[in-house]
PDB file of N, CA and C in Angstrom:
ATOM      1  N   UNK A   1      66.140 -39.849 -71.189  1.00  0.00           N
ATOM      2  CA  UNK A   1      65.311 -40.202 -70.041  1.00  0.00           C
ATOM      3  C   UNK A   1      63.908 -40.515 -70.546  1.00  0.00           C
ATOM      4  N   UNK A   2      63.324 -41.551 -70.006  1.00  0.00           N
ATOM      5  CA  UNK A   2      61.952 -41.917 -70.356  1.00  0.00           C
ATOM      6  C   UNK A   2      60.992 -41.288 -69.348  1.00  0.00           C
ATOM      7  N   UNK A   3      59.726 -41.312 -69.674  1.00  0.00           N
ATOM      8  CA  UNK A   3      58.709 -40.816 -68.742  1.00  0.00           C
ATOM      9  C   UNK A   3      58.738 -41.646 -67.457  1.00  0.00           C
ATOM     10  N   UNK A   4      58.970 -42.958 -67.599  1.00  0.00           N
ATOM     11  CA  UNK A   4      59.049 -43.818 -66.418  1.00  0.00           C
ATOM     12  C   UNK A   4      60.207 -43.393 -65.509  1.00  0.00           C
ATOM     13  N   UNK A   5      61.327 -43.013 -66.098  1.00  0.00           N
ATOM     14  CA  UNK A   5      62.471 -42.545 -65.306  1.00  0.00           C
ATOM     15  C   UNK A   5      62.173 -41.199 -64.642  1.00  0.00           C
ATOM     16  N   UNK A   6      61.447 -40.326 -65.342  1.00  0.00           N
ATOM     17  CA  UNK A   6      61.031 -39.052 -64.749  1.00  0.00           C
ATOM     18  C   UNK A   6      60.130 -39.310 -63.540  1.00  0.00           C
ATOM     19  N   UNK A   7      59.170 -40.201 -63.696  1.00  0.00           N
ATOM     20  CA  UNK A   7      58.267 -40.552 -62.590  1.00  0.00           C
ATOM     21  C   UNK A   7      59.065 -41.171 -61.442  1.00  0.00           C
ATOM     22  N   UNK A   8      60.040 -42.004 -61.762  1.00  0.00           N
ATOM     23  CA  UNK A   8      60.897 -42.585 -60.726  1.00  0.00           C
ATOM     24  C   UNK A   8      61.647 -41.511 -59.958  1.00  0.00           C
ATOM     25  N   UNK A   9      62.138 -40.496 -60.668  1.00  0.00           N
ATOM     26  CA  UNK A   9      62.840 -39.397 -60.017  1.00  0.00           C
ATOM     27  C   UNK A   9      61.897 -38.645 -59.073  1.00  0.00           C
ATOM     28  N   UNK A  10      60.679 -38.373 -59.523  1.00  0.00           N
ATOM     29  CA  UNK A  10      59.710 -37.667 -58.677  1.00  0.00           C
ATOM     30  C   UNK A  10      59.340 -38.526 -57.474  1.00  0.00           C
ATOM     31  N   UNK A  11      59.236 -39.828 -57.663  1.00  0.00           N
ATOM     32  CA  UNK A  11      58.937 -40.746 -56.566  1.00  0.00           C
ATOM     33  C   UNK A  11      59.985 -40.639 -55.461  1.00  0.00           C
ATOM     34  N   UNK A  12      61.241 -40.434 -55.847  1.00  0.00           N
ATOM     35  CA  UNK A  12      62.320 -40.291 -54.869  1.00  0.00           C
ATOM     36  C   UNK A  12      62.096 -39.112 -53.917  1.00  0.00           C
ATOM     37  N   UNK A  13      61.288 -38.147 -54.322  1.00  0.00           N
ATOM     38  CA  UNK A  13      61.032 -36.969 -53.480  1.00  0.00           C
ATOM     39  C   UNK A  13      60.143 -37.303 -52.288  1.00  0.00           C
ATOM     40  N   UNK A  14      59.487 -38.466 -52.338  1.00  0.00           N
ATOM     41  CA  UNK A  14      58.634 -38.964 -51.254  1.00  0.00           C
ATOM     42  C   UNK A  14      57.543 -37.977 -50.864  1.00  0.00           C
ATOM     43  N   UNK A  15      56.910 -37.398 -51.887  1.00  0.00           N
ATOM     44  CA  UNK A  15      55.796 -36.460 -51.725  1.00  0.00           C
ATOM     45  C   UNK A  15      54.702 -36.943 -52.671  1.00  0.00           C
ATOM     46  N   UNK A  16      53.434 -37.002 -52.230  1.00  0.00           N
ATOM     47  CA  UNK A  16      52.364 -37.445 -53.138  1.00  0.00           C
ATOM     48  C   UNK A  16      52.373 -36.603 -54.421  1.00  0.00           C
ATOM     49  N   UNK A  17      52.149 -37.260 -55.565  1.00  0.00           N
ATOM     50  CA  UNK A  17      52.180 -36.523 -56.830  1.00  0.00           C
ATOM     51  C   UNK A  17      51.182 -37.092 -57.826  1.00  0.00           C
ATOM     52  N   UNK A  18      50.871 -36.262 -58.822  1.00  0.00           N
ATOM     53  CA  UNK A  18      49.994 -36.667 -59.918  1.00  0.00           C
ATOM     54  C   UNK A  18      50.403 -35.891 -61.162  1.00  0.00           C
ATOM     55  N   UNK A  19      50.065 -36.442 -62.315  1.00  0.00           N
ATOM     56  CA  UNK A  19      50.298 -35.710 -63.555  1.00  0.00           C
ATOM     57  C   UNK A  19      49.227 -34.638 -63.697  1.00  0.00           C
ATOM     58  N   UNK A  20      49.627 -33.401 -63.839  1.00  0.00           N
ATOM     59  CA  UNK A  20      48.791 -32.225 -64.061  1.00  0.00           C
ATOM     60  C   UNK A  20      47.911 -31.846 -62.867  1.00  0.00           C
ATOM     61  N   UNK A  21      47.108 -32.784 -62.377  1.00  0.00           N
ATOM     62  CA  UNK A  21      46.217 -32.478 -61.253  1.00  0.00           C
ATOM     63  C   UNK A  21      45.714 -33.787 -60.633  1.00  0.00           C
ATOM     64  N   UNK A  22      45.218 -33.677 -59.422  1.00  0.00           N
ATOM     65  CA  UNK A  22      44.557 -34.815 -58.783  1.00  0.00           C
ATOM     66  C   UNK A  22      43.082 -34.781 -59.170  1.00  0.00           C
ATOM     67  N   UNK A  23      42.460 -35.939 -59.235  1.00  0.00           N
ATOM     68  CA  UNK A  23      41.023 -35.994 -59.517  1.00  0.00           C
ATOM     69  C   UNK A  23      40.269 -35.250 -58.417  1.00  0.00           C
ATOM     70  N   UNK A  24      39.155 -34.651 -58.779  1.00  0.00           N
ATOM     71  CA  UNK A  24      38.370 -33.882 -57.820  1.00  0.00           C
ATOM     72  C   UNK A  24      38.032 -34.739 -56.604  1.00  0.00           C
ATOM     73  N   UNK A  25      38.295 -34.198 -55.433  1.00  0.00           N
ATOM     74  CA  UNK A  25      38.033 -34.897 -54.190  1.00  0.00           C
ATOM     75  C   UNK A  25      39.143 -35.856 -53.770  1.00  0.00           C
ATOM     76  N   UNK A  26      40.165 -36.037 -54.598  1.00  0.00           N
ATOM     77  CA  UNK A  26      41.241 -36.971 -54.278  1.00  0.00           C
ATOM     78  C   UNK A  26      42.566 -36.278 -53.979  1.00  0.00           C
ATOM     79  N   UNK A  27      42.549 -34.971 -53.925  1.00  0.00           N
ATOM     80  CA  UNK A  27      43.776 -34.235 -53.640  1.00  0.00           C
ATOM     81  C   UNK A  27      44.194 -34.475 -52.192  1.00  0.00           C
ATOM     82  N   UNK A  28      45.465 -34.854 -51.984  1.00  0.00           N
ATOM     83  CA  UNK A  28      45.932 -35.081 -50.612  1.00  0.00           C
ATOM     84  C   UNK A  28      46.132 -33.756 -49.886  1.00  0.00           C
ATOM     85  N   UNK A  29      46.311 -33.826 -48.603  1.00  0.00           N
ATOM     86  CA  UNK A  29      46.673 -32.631 -47.843  1.00  0.00           C
ATOM     87  C   UNK A  29      48.070 -32.190 -48.293  1.00  0.00           C
ATOM     88  N   UNK A  30      48.315 -30.879 -48.307  1.00  0.00           N
ATOM     89  CA  UNK A  30      49.655 -30.419 -48.678  1.00  0.00           C
ATOM     90  C   UNK A  30      50.679 -30.929 -47.675  1.00  0.00           C
ATOM     91  N   UNK A  31      51.893 -31.144 -48.112  1.00  0.00           N
ATOM     92  CA  UNK A  31      52.427 -30.824 -49.438  1.00  0.00           C
ATOM     93  C   UNK A  31      52.132 -31.920 -50.454  1.00  0.00           C
ATOM     94  N   UNK A  32      52.076 -31.514 -51.725  1.00  0.00           N
ATOM     95  CA  UNK A  32      51.939 -32.454 -52.829  1.00  0.00           C
ATOM     96  C   UNK A  32      52.536 -31.828 -54.074  1.00  0.00           C
ATOM     97  N   UNK A  33      52.732 -32.668 -55.081  1.00  0.00           N
ATOM     98  CA  UNK A  33      53.352 -32.244 -56.333  1.00  0.00           C
ATOM     99  C   UNK A  33      52.426 -32.562 -57.491  1.00  0.00           C
ATOM    100  N   UNK A  34      52.377 -31.636 -58.445  1.00  0.00           N
ATOM    101  CA  UNK A  34      51.799 -31.902 -59.758  1.00  0.00           C
ATOM    102  C   UNK A  34      52.917 -31.653 -60.767  1.00  0.00           C
ATOM    103  N   UNK A  35      53.058 -32.569 -61.708  1.00  0.00           N
ATOM    104  CA  UNK A  35      54.070 -32.372 -62.742  1.00  0.00           C
ATOM    105  C   UNK A  35      53.390 -32.416 -64.101  1.00  0.00           C
ATOM    106  N   UNK A  36      53.982 -31.737 -65.073  1.00  0.00           N
ATOM    107  CA  UNK A  36      53.428 -31.752 -66.408  1.00  0.00           C
ATOM    108  C   UNK A  36      54.505 -31.488 -67.444  1.00  0.00           C
ATOM    109  N   UNK A  37      54.174 -31.825 -68.655  1.00  0.00           N
ATOM    110  CA  UNK A  37      55.055 -31.655 -69.808  1.00  0.00           C
ATOM    111  C   UNK A  37      54.334 -30.716 -70.778  1.00  0.00           C
ATOM    112  N   UNK A  38      54.401 -29.396 -70.533  1.00  0.00           N
ATOM    113  CA  UNK A  38      53.550 -28.461 -71.269  1.00  0.00           C
ATOM    114  C   UNK A  38      53.998 -28.110 -72.679  1.00  0.00           C
ATOM    115  N   UNK A  39      55.208 -28.472 -73.065  1.00  0.00           N
ATOM    116  CA  UNK A  39      55.644 -28.098 -74.403  1.00  0.00           C
ATOM    117  C   UNK A  39      56.983 -28.695 -74.741  1.00  0.00           C
ATOM    118  N   UNK A  40      57.488 -28.292 -75.895  1.00  0.00           N
ATOM    119  CA  UNK A  40      58.787 -28.785 -76.340  1.00  0.00           C
ATOM    120  C   UNK A  40      59.555 -27.656 -77.012  1.00  0.00           C
ATOM    121  N   UNK A  41      60.836 -27.864 -77.142  1.00  0.00           N
ATOM    122  CA  UNK A  41      61.733 -26.943 -77.831  1.00  0.00           C
ATOM    123  C   UNK A  41      62.664 -27.798 -78.681  1.00  0.00           C
ATOM    124  N   UNK A  42      62.051 -28.576 -79.585  1.00  0.00           N
ATOM    125  CA  UNK A  42      62.784 -29.547 -80.377  1.00  0.00           C
ATOM    126  C   UNK A  42      63.770 -28.881 -81.335  1.00  0.00           C
ATOM    127  N   UNK A  43      64.807 -29.625 -81.678  1.00  0.00           N
ATOM    128  CA  UNK A  43      65.800 -29.177 -82.640  1.00  0.00           C
ATOM    129  C   UNK A  43      65.467 -29.813 -83.984  1.00  0.00           C
ATOM    130  N   UNK A  44      65.432 -28.993 -85.019  1.00  0.00           N
ATOM    131  CA  UNK A  44      65.060 -29.483 -86.344  1.00  0.00           C
ATOM    132  C   UNK A  44      66.277 -29.634 -87.242  1.00  0.00           C
ATOM    133  N   UNK A  45      66.172 -30.608 -88.121  1.00  0.00           N
ATOM    134  CA  UNK A  45      67.165 -30.796 -89.182  1.00  0.00           C
ATOM    135  C   UNK A  45      66.455 -31.446 -90.355  1.00  0.00           C
ATOM    136  N   UNK A  46      66.725 -30.957 -91.538  1.00  0.00           N
ATOM    137  CA  UNK A  46      66.115 -31.498 -92.760  1.00  0.00           C
ATOM    138  C   UNK A  46      64.592 -31.509 -92.683  1.00  0.00           C
ATOM    139  N   UNK A  47      64.013 -30.487 -92.055  1.00  0.00           N
ATOM    140  CA  UNK A  47      62.562 -30.339 -92.021  1.00  0.00           C
ATOM    141  C   UNK A  47      61.838 -31.300 -91.101  1.00  0.00           C
ATOM    142  N   UNK A  48      62.534 -31.892 -90.158  1.00  0.00           N
ATOM    143  CA  UNK A  48      61.879 -32.810 -89.215  1.00  0.00           C
ATOM    144  C   UNK A  48      62.539 -32.706 -87.851  1.00  0.00           C
ATOM    145  N   UNK A  49      61.909 -33.314 -86.858  1.00  0.00           N
ATOM    146  CA  UNK A  49      62.472 -33.300 -85.514  1.00  0.00           C
ATOM    147  C   UNK A  49      63.710 -34.182 -85.507  1.00  0.00           C
ATOM    148  N   UNK A  50      64.824 -33.560 -85.201  1.00  0.00           N
ATOM    149  CA  UNK A  50      66.088 -34.284 -85.158  1.00  0.00           C
ATOM    150  C   UNK A  50      66.442 -34.672 -83.729  1.00  0.00           C
ATOM    151  N   UNK A  51      66.087 -33.786 -82.801  1.00  0.00           N
ATOM    152  CA  UNK A  51      66.456 -33.994 -81.400  1.00  0.00           C
ATOM    153  C   UNK A  51      65.325 -33.469 -80.528  1.00  0.00           C
ATOM    154  N   UNK A  52      64.704 -34.341 -79.728  1.00  0.00           N
ATOM    155  CA  UNK A  52      63.566 -33.955 -78.892  1.00  0.00           C
ATOM    156  C   UNK A  52      64.038 -33.323 -77.583  1.00  0.00           C
ATOM    157  N   UNK A  53      63.433 -32.191 -77.254  1.00  0.00           N
ATOM    158  CA  UNK A  53      63.690 -31.523 -75.984  1.00  0.00           C
ATOM    159  C   UNK A  53      62.332 -31.139 -75.406  1.00  0.00           C
ATOM    160  N   UNK A  54      61.976 -31.716 -74.263  1.00  0.00           N
ATOM    161  CA  UNK A  54      60.690 -31.469 -73.640  1.00  0.00           C
ATOM    162  C   UNK A  54      60.821 -30.557 -72.429  1.00  0.00           C
ATOM    163  N   UNK A  55      59.866 -29.658 -72.297  1.00  0.00           N
ATOM    164  CA  UNK A  55      59.765 -28.823 -71.103  1.00  0.00           C
ATOM    165  C   UNK A  55      59.099 -29.645 -70.006  1.00  0.00           C
ATOM    166  N   UNK A  56      59.645 -29.570 -68.798  1.00  0.00           N
ATOM    167  CA  UNK A  56      59.080 -30.274 -67.651  1.00  0.00           C
ATOM    168  C   UNK A  56      58.822 -29.247 -66.563  1.00  0.00           C
ATOM    169  N   UNK A  57      57.681 -29.353 -65.917  1.00  0.00           N
ATOM    170  CA  UNK A  57      57.357 -28.511 -64.774  1.00  0.00           C
ATOM    171  C   UNK A  57      56.976 -29.394 -63.593  1.00  0.00           C
ATOM    172  N   UNK A  58      57.633 -29.136 -62.482  1.00  0.00           N
ATOM    173  CA  UNK A  58      57.284 -29.795 -61.228  1.00  0.00           C
ATOM    174  C   UNK A  58      56.777 -28.691 -60.303  1.00  0.00           C
ATOM    175  N   UNK A  59      55.512 -28.795 -59.918  1.00  0.00           N
ATOM    176  CA  UNK A  59      54.870 -27.790 -59.067  1.00  0.00           C
ATOM    177  C   UNK A  59      54.721 -28.372 -57.668  1.00  0.00           C
ATOM    178  N   UNK A  60      55.409 -27.774 -56.715  1.00  0.00           N
ATOM    179  CA  UNK A  60      55.337 -28.204 -55.320  1.00  0.00           C
ATOM    180  C   UNK A  60      54.363 -27.283 -54.600  1.00  0.00           C
ATOM    181  N   UNK A  61      53.323 -27.845 -54.013  1.00  0.00           N
ATOM    182  CA  UNK A  61      52.314 -27.070 -53.290  1.00  0.00           C
ATOM    183  C   UNK A  61      52.430 -27.342 -51.799  1.00  0.00           C
ATOM    184  N   UNK A  62      52.408 -26.258 -51.016  1.00  0.00           N
ATOM    185  CA  UNK A  62      52.428 -26.389 -49.559  1.00  0.00           C
ATOM    186  C   UNK A  62      51.626 -25.249 -48.955  1.00  0.00           C
ATOM    187  N   UNK A  63      51.119 -25.468 -47.739  1.00  0.00           N
ATOM    188  CA  UNK A  63      50.303 -24.428 -47.104  1.00  0.00           C
ATOM    189  C   UNK A  63      51.133 -23.457 -46.276  1.00  0.00           C
ATOM    190  N   UNK A  64      52.440 -23.703 -46.181  1.00  0.00           N
ATOM    191  CA  UNK A  64      53.337 -22.759 -45.524  1.00  0.00           C
ATOM    192  C   UNK A  64      54.705 -22.866 -46.199  1.00  0.00           C
ATOM    193  N   UNK A  65      55.493 -21.823 -46.064  1.00  0.00           N
ATOM    194  CA  UNK A  65      56.834 -21.831 -46.636  1.00  0.00           C
ATOM    195  C   UNK A  65      57.659 -22.887 -45.904  1.00  0.00           C
ATOM    196  N   UNK A  66      58.245 -23.821 -46.669  1.00  0.00           N
ATOM    197  CA  UNK A  66      58.977 -24.933 -46.073  1.00  0.00           C
ATOM    198  C   UNK A  66      60.294 -25.124 -46.828  1.00  0.00           C
ATOM    199  N   UNK A  67      61.336 -24.433 -46.384  1.00  0.00           N
ATOM    200  CA  UNK A  67      62.623 -24.515 -47.072  1.00  0.00           C
ATOM    201  C   UNK A  67      63.224 -25.918 -46.988  1.00  0.00           C
ATOM    202  N   UNK A  68      62.927 -26.657 -45.928  1.00  0.00           N
ATOM    203  CA  UNK A  68      63.402 -28.035 -45.823  1.00  0.00           C
ATOM    204  C   UNK A  68      62.795 -28.919 -46.892  1.00  0.00           C
ATOM    205  N   UNK A  69      61.522 -28.736 -47.155  1.00  0.00           N
ATOM    206  CA  UNK A  69      60.833 -29.500 -48.194  1.00  0.00           C
ATOM    207  C   UNK A  69      61.387 -29.146 -49.572  1.00  0.00           C
ATOM    208  N   UNK A  70      61.614 -27.855 -49.796  1.00  0.00           N
ATOM    209  CA  UNK A  70      62.202 -27.418 -51.059  1.00  0.00           C
ATOM    210  C   UNK A  70      63.598 -28.011 -51.226  1.00  0.00           C
ATOM    211  N   UNK A  71      64.374 -28.040 -50.155  1.00  0.00           N
ATOM    212  CA  UNK A  71      65.726 -28.614 -50.209  1.00  0.00           C
ATOM    213  C   UNK A  71      65.667 -30.095 -50.565  1.00  0.00           C
ATOM    214  N   UNK A  72      64.647 -30.793 -50.079  1.00  0.00           N
ATOM    215  CA  UNK A  72      64.480 -32.217 -50.381  1.00  0.00           C
ATOM    216  C   UNK A  72      64.240 -32.427 -51.880  1.00  0.00           C
ATOM    217  N   UNK A  73      63.354 -31.619 -52.449  1.00  0.00           N
ATOM    218  CA  UNK A  73      63.073 -31.697 -53.892  1.00  0.00           C
ATOM    219  C   UNK A  73      64.334 -31.360 -54.684  1.00  0.00           C
ATOM    220  N   UNK A  74      65.004 -30.292 -54.285  1.00  0.00           N
ATOM    221  CA  UNK A  74      66.194 -29.848 -54.998  1.00  0.00           C
ATOM    222  C   UNK A  74      67.331 -30.862 -54.896  1.00  0.00           C
ATOM    223  N   UNK A  75      67.434 -31.564 -53.774  1.00  0.00           N
ATOM    224  CA  UNK A  75      68.467 -32.590 -53.620  1.00  0.00           C
ATOM    225  C   UNK A  75      68.267 -33.717 -54.634  1.00  0.00           C
ATOM    226  N   UNK A  76      67.006 -34.090 -54.871  1.00  0.00           N
ATOM    227  CA  UNK A  76      66.730 -35.136 -55.861  1.00  0.00           C
ATOM    228  C   UNK A  76      67.073 -34.627 -57.261  1.00  0.00           C
ATOM    229  N   UNK A  77      66.649 -33.408 -57.587  1.00  0.00           N
ATOM    230  CA  UNK A  77      66.973 -32.848 -58.898  1.00  0.00           C
ATOM    231  C   UNK A  77      68.487 -32.757 -59.076  1.00  0.00           C
ATOM    232  N   UNK A  78      69.182 -32.295 -58.036  1.00  0.00           N
ATOM    233  CA  UNK A  78      70.641 -32.184 -58.099  1.00  0.00           C
ATOM    234  C   UNK A  78      71.297 -33.545 -58.275  1.00  0.00           C
ATOM    235  N   UNK A  79      70.784 -34.566 -57.586  1.00  0.00           N
ATOM    236  CA  UNK A  79      71.387 -35.899 -57.688  1.00  0.00           C
ATOM    237  C   UNK A  79      71.252 -36.475 -59.095  1.00  0.00           C
ATOM    238  N   UNK A  80      70.249 -35.997 -59.838  1.00  0.00           N
ATOM    239  CA  UNK A  80      70.056 -36.428 -61.231  1.00  0.00           C
ATOM    240  C   UNK A  80      70.676 -35.443 -62.218  1.00  0.00           C
ATOM    241  N   UNK A  81      71.442 -34.488 -61.682  1.00  0.00           N
ATOM    242  CA  UNK A  81      72.132 -33.486 -62.482  1.00  0.00           C
ATOM    243  C   UNK A  81      71.189 -32.705 -63.389  1.00  0.00           C
ATOM    244  N   UNK A  82      70.042 -32.321 -62.818  1.00  0.00           N
ATOM    245  CA  UNK A  82      69.051 -31.531 -63.539  1.00  0.00           C
ATOM    246  C   UNK A  82      69.348 -30.050 -63.311  1.00  0.00           C
ATOM    247  N   UNK A  83      69.477 -29.293 -64.394  1.00  0.00           N
ATOM    248  CA  UNK A  83      69.581 -27.843 -64.293  1.00  0.00           C
ATOM    249  C   UNK A  83      68.162 -27.291 -64.337  1.00  0.00           C
ATOM    250  N   UNK A  84      67.738 -26.614 -63.286  1.00  0.00           N
ATOM    251  CA  UNK A  84      66.362 -26.137 -63.182  1.00  0.00           C
ATOM    252  C   UNK A  84      66.324 -24.655 -62.837  1.00  0.00           C
ATOM    253  N   UNK A  85      65.181 -24.057 -63.136  1.00  0.00           N
ATOM    254  CA  UNK A  85      64.873 -22.713 -62.668  1.00  0.00           C
ATOM    255  C   UNK A  85      63.744 -22.850 -61.662  1.00  0.00           C
ATOM    256  N   UNK A  86      63.722 -21.942 -60.711  1.00  0.00           N
ATOM    257  CA  UNK A  86      62.756 -22.024 -59.611  1.00  0.00           C
ATOM    258  C   UNK A  86      62.042 -20.687 -59.466  1.00  0.00           C
ATOM    259  N   UNK A  87      60.736 -20.753 -59.223  1.00  0.00           N
ATOM    260  CA  UNK A  87      59.960 -19.552 -58.922  1.00  0.00           C
ATOM    261  C   UNK A  87      58.931 -19.901 -57.852  1.00  0.00           C
ATOM    262  N   UNK A  88      58.388 -18.871 -57.241  1.00  0.00           N
ATOM    263  CA  UNK A  88      57.441 -19.076 -56.144  1.00  0.00           C
ATOM    264  C   UNK A  88      56.293 -18.084 -56.269  1.00  0.00           C
ATOM    265  N   UNK A  89      55.104 -18.550 -55.937  1.00  0.00           N
ATOM    266  CA  UNK A  89      53.928 -17.682 -55.928  1.00  0.00           C
ATOM    267  C   UNK A  89      52.977 -18.150 -54.830  1.00  0.00           C
ATOM    268  N   UNK A  90      52.296 -17.211 -54.206  1.00  0.00           N
ATOM    269  CA  UNK A  90      51.249 -17.500 -53.230  1.00  0.00           C
ATOM    270  C   UNK A  90      49.933 -17.481 -53.982  1.00  0.00           C
ATOM    271  N   UNK A  91      49.164 -18.558 -53.913  1.00  0.00           N
ATOM    272  CA  UNK A  91      47.856 -18.631 -54.576  1.00  0.00           C
ATOM    273  C   UNK A  91      46.799 -18.335 -53.521  1.00  0.00           C
ATOM    274  N   UNK A  92      46.340 -17.119 -53.501  1.00  0.00           N
ATOM    275  CA  UNK A  92      45.416 -16.652 -52.462  1.00  0.00           C
ATOM    276  C   UNK A  92      44.142 -17.493 -52.411  1.00  0.00           C
ATOM    277  N   UNK A  93      43.562 -17.784 -53.575  1.00  0.00           N
ATOM    278  CA  UNK A  93      42.287 -18.512 -53.608  1.00  0.00           C
ATOM    279  C   UNK A  93      42.406 -19.927 -53.042  1.00  0.00           C
ATOM    280  N   UNK A  94      43.586 -20.518 -53.138  1.00  0.00           N
ATOM    281  CA  UNK A  94      43.809 -21.870 -52.637  1.00  0.00           C
ATOM    282  C   UNK A  94      44.503 -21.884 -51.281  1.00  0.00           C
ATOM    283  N   UNK A  95      45.018 -20.721 -50.871  1.00  0.00           N
ATOM    284  CA  UNK A  95      45.803 -20.611 -49.631  1.00  0.00           C
ATOM    285  C   UNK A  95      46.993 -21.562 -49.651  1.00  0.00           C
ATOM    286  N   UNK A  96      47.683 -21.589 -50.803  1.00  0.00           N
ATOM    287  CA  UNK A  96      48.829 -22.466 -51.000  1.00  0.00           C
ATOM    288  C   UNK A  96      49.980 -21.717 -51.656  1.00  0.00           C
ATOM    289  N   UNK A  97      51.199 -22.100 -51.289  1.00  0.00           N
ATOM    290  CA  UNK A  97      52.378 -21.675 -52.022  1.00  0.00           C
ATOM    291  C   UNK A  97      52.597 -22.665 -53.149  1.00  0.00           C
ATOM    292  N   UNK A  98      52.980 -22.141 -54.297  1.00  0.00           N
ATOM    293  CA  UNK A  98      53.408 -22.990 -55.403  1.00  0.00           C
ATOM    294  C   UNK A  98      54.873 -22.676 -55.674  1.00  0.00           C
ATOM    295  N   UNK A  99      55.706 -23.688 -55.527  1.00  0.00           N
ATOM    296  CA  UNK A  99      57.110 -23.575 -55.890  1.00  0.00           C
ATOM    297  C   UNK A  99      57.239 -24.321 -57.208  1.00  0.00           C
ATOM    298  N   UNK A 100      57.622 -23.598 -58.250  1.00  0.00           N
ATOM    299  CA  UNK A 100      57.698 -24.175 -59.586  1.00  0.00           C
ATOM    300  C   UNK A 100      59.157 -24.439 -59.945  1.00  0.00           C
ATOM    301  N   UNK A 101      59.435 -25.684 -60.304  1.00  0.00           N
ATOM    302  CA  UNK A 101      60.732 -26.068 -60.835  1.00  0.00           C
ATOM    303  C   UNK A 101      60.522 -26.359 -62.314  1.00  0.00           C
ATOM    304  N   UNK A 102      61.202 -25.632 -63.167  1.00  0.00           N
ATOM    305  CA  UNK A 102      61.051 -25.851 -64.605  1.00  0.00           C
ATOM    306  C   UNK A 102      62.420 -26.163 -65.206  1.00  0.00           C
ATOM    307  N   UNK A 103      62.414 -27.099 -66.148  1.00  0.00           N
ATOM    308  CA  UNK A 103      63.648 -27.511 -66.800  1.00  0.00           C
ATOM    309  C   UNK A 103      63.311 -28.213 -68.103  1.00  0.00           C
ATOM    310  N   UNK A 104      64.339 -28.473 -68.877  1.00  0.00           N
ATOM    311  CA  UNK A 104      64.178 -29.203 -70.124  1.00  0.00           C
ATOM    312  C   UNK A 104      64.876 -30.552 -70.015  1.00  0.00           C
ATOM    313  N   UNK A 105      64.279 -31.548 -70.662  1.00  0.00           N
ATOM    314  CA  UNK A 105      64.872 -32.883 -70.678  1.00  0.00           C
ATOM    315  C   UNK A 105      64.992 -33.331 -72.114  1.00  0.00           C
ATOM    316  N   UNK A 106      66.133 -33.870 -72.434  1.00  0.00           N
ATOM    317  CA  UNK A 106      66.382 -34.354 -73.785  1.00  0.00           C
ATOM    318  C   UNK A 106      65.769 -35.730 -73.979  1.00  0.00           C
ATOM    319  N   UNK A 107      65.167 -35.911 -75.143  1.00  0.00           N
ATOM    320  CA  UNK A 107      64.733 -37.229 -75.560  1.00  0.00           C
ATOM    321  C   UNK A 107      63.661 -37.880 -74.718  1.00  0.00           C
ATOM    322  N   UNK A 108      62.879 -37.107 -73.975  1.00  0.00           N
ATOM    323  CA  UNK A 108      61.848 -37.685 -73.111  1.00  0.00           C
ATOM    324  C   UNK A 108      60.827 -38.393 -73.976  1.00  0.00           C
ATOM    325  N   UNK A 109      60.650 -39.672 -73.763  1.00  0.00           N
ATOM    326  CA  UNK A 109      59.680 -40.441 -74.541  1.00  0.00           C
ATOM    327  C   UNK A 109      59.092 -41.546 -73.677  1.00  0.00           C
ATOM    328  N   UNK A 110      58.270 -42.364 -74.287  1.00  0.00           N
ATOM    329  CA  UNK A 110      57.567 -43.410 -73.540  1.00  0.00           C
ATOM    330  C   UNK A 110      58.351 -44.700 -73.392  1.00  0.00           C
ATOM    331  N   UNK A 111      59.564 -44.771 -73.811  1.00  0.00           N
ATOM    332  CA  UNK A 111      60.209 -46.037 -73.633  1.00  0.00           C
ATOM    333  C   UNK A 111      61.580 -46.120 -74.126  1.00  0.00           C
TER     334      UNK A 111
END
């Protein structure tokens, strides 16, 4: 999967999104998504990267618990056969729920 395909998958969720964060003053009203690629768990062979595996995080932010919205995100992930883990936290300072979907993608690159 390429980064463009990952972005296409997130676009299917029909929720405003940005990589890592929105520019100051440009954050939309919730719900919105921030996604990031915080690390990798590459497979090595002969002292070099043999197989790329990237960590992906999709952070869904909402101002109230919305299981329908979560189901919408999960339906897109499921349709792409993504195995994900999910966690939830209330961010008191922002008055937002963060639903985190984390997974690994093989071979994620720019093209």
